[in-house]
Protein backbone atom coordinates (compact mmCIF):
# COMPACT_ATOMS: atom_id res chain seq x y z
CA MET A 1 -169.55 -189.11 -163.39
CA TYR A 2 -169.54 -187.38 -160.06
CA ALA A 3 -170.42 -183.73 -159.65
CA THR A 4 -167.45 -181.51 -158.55
CA ARG A 5 -167.59 -179.40 -155.43
CA ALA A 6 -167.84 -176.22 -157.51
CA LEU A 7 -171.03 -177.49 -159.29
CA ARG A 8 -173.05 -178.48 -156.22
CA MET A 9 -173.61 -174.82 -155.35
CA MET A 10 -174.15 -175.35 -151.67
CA PRO A 11 -173.71 -172.42 -149.36
CA THR A 12 -170.49 -172.58 -147.29
CA ARG A 13 -170.75 -172.47 -143.48
CA ARG A 14 -169.76 -168.81 -143.53
CA MET A 15 -172.43 -167.72 -145.89
CA MET A 16 -175.25 -169.57 -144.01
CA PHE A 17 -175.34 -166.80 -141.32
CA PRO A 18 -176.23 -163.10 -141.79
CA VAL A 19 -173.47 -160.65 -142.00
CA PRO A 20 -172.90 -158.81 -138.65
CA LYS A 21 -173.53 -155.18 -138.48
CA GLU A 22 -170.57 -152.91 -138.62
CA ASP A 23 -169.45 -151.12 -135.50
CA GLN A 24 -169.10 -147.84 -137.32
CA THR A 25 -172.52 -147.38 -138.84
CA ALA A 26 -174.22 -144.02 -138.28
CA HIS A 27 -171.86 -142.80 -135.60
CA THR A 28 -171.43 -139.07 -134.88
CA ILE A 29 -168.11 -137.35 -134.81
CA SER A 30 -167.99 -137.43 -130.92
CA GLN A 31 -168.68 -141.15 -130.97
CA ARG A 32 -165.81 -141.70 -133.38
CA LEU A 33 -163.44 -139.48 -131.31
CA ARG A 34 -164.17 -141.60 -128.28
CA LYS A 35 -162.91 -144.57 -130.27
CA LEU A 36 -159.52 -142.92 -130.47
CA ARG A 37 -158.96 -144.01 -126.90
CA GLN A 38 -158.97 -147.69 -128.14
CA ILE A 39 -155.81 -146.99 -130.19
CA PRO A 40 -152.79 -148.70 -128.48
CA ALA A 41 -150.41 -146.37 -126.80
CA GLU A 42 -147.46 -147.84 -128.81
CA LEU A 43 -149.05 -146.41 -132.09
CA ILE A 44 -149.34 -142.87 -130.98
CA PRO A 45 -145.63 -141.94 -131.41
CA LEU A 46 -145.70 -143.65 -134.78
CA GLY A 47 -148.65 -141.55 -135.89
CA VAL A 48 -146.95 -138.41 -134.74
CA VAL A 49 -143.79 -139.22 -136.63
CA VAL A 50 -145.78 -140.07 -139.86
CA GLY A 51 -147.88 -136.97 -139.49
CA PHE A 52 -144.81 -134.87 -139.13
CA ALA A 53 -143.25 -136.47 -142.15
CA VAL A 54 -146.27 -135.80 -144.27
CA PHE A 55 -146.43 -132.20 -143.08
CA ALA A 56 -142.76 -131.65 -143.78
CA ALA A 57 -143.02 -133.23 -147.27
CA GLY A 58 -145.96 -130.94 -148.16
CA TYR A 59 -144.20 -127.88 -146.72
CA SER A 60 -140.92 -128.64 -148.56
CA SER A 61 -142.74 -129.30 -151.86
CA PHE A 62 -144.85 -126.13 -151.65
CA ARG A 63 -141.78 -124.15 -150.81
CA LYS A 64 -139.88 -125.57 -153.69
CA PHE A 65 -142.66 -124.66 -156.04
CA ALA A 66 -143.08 -121.19 -154.62
CA VAL A 67 -139.42 -120.12 -154.23
CA ASP A 68 -137.48 -121.75 -157.05
CA LYS A 69 -137.39 -119.47 -160.00
CA ASN A 70 -135.59 -122.01 -162.32
CA LEU A 71 -138.35 -124.48 -161.91
CA ARG A 72 -140.70 -124.68 -165.07
CA LEU A 73 -144.33 -125.05 -163.96
CA SER A 74 -145.84 -124.54 -167.37
CA ARG A 75 -144.87 -124.88 -170.99
CA GLN A 76 -142.93 -122.15 -172.65
CA ASN A 77 -142.04 -121.34 -176.30
CA ARG A 78 -145.09 -123.07 -177.59
CA LYS A 79 -144.74 -121.49 -181.08
CA ASP A 80 -141.53 -123.45 -181.58
CA GLU A 81 -143.25 -126.80 -181.18
CA PRO A 82 -144.37 -128.59 -184.37
CA ALA A 83 -148.11 -128.19 -185.28
CA THR A 84 -148.87 -131.92 -185.44
CA HIS A 85 -148.67 -133.66 -182.11
CA GLY A 86 -148.76 -137.28 -183.47
CA GLU A 87 -145.28 -137.34 -185.17
CA GLY A 88 -143.23 -137.26 -181.99
CA HIS A 89 -144.99 -140.02 -180.18
């Protein structure tokens, strides 16, 4: 019988060489901010739109929770609930 490729356990070409060091290791905040210049100009408007959408979603959710008086944020009438919690599940 012949040994299959999986059983030979020889390192692949990719595994023969050491892993290159990451470009981001131990950088300070100012060095990371300088990397922002490498972002393509086409992605900046997309970032602004996505940022605004996240801000608007957070604002509208907070406003809904703070202003809406009909919204139940906690349980009410707990004395009316059955004592055993396992029956209803």
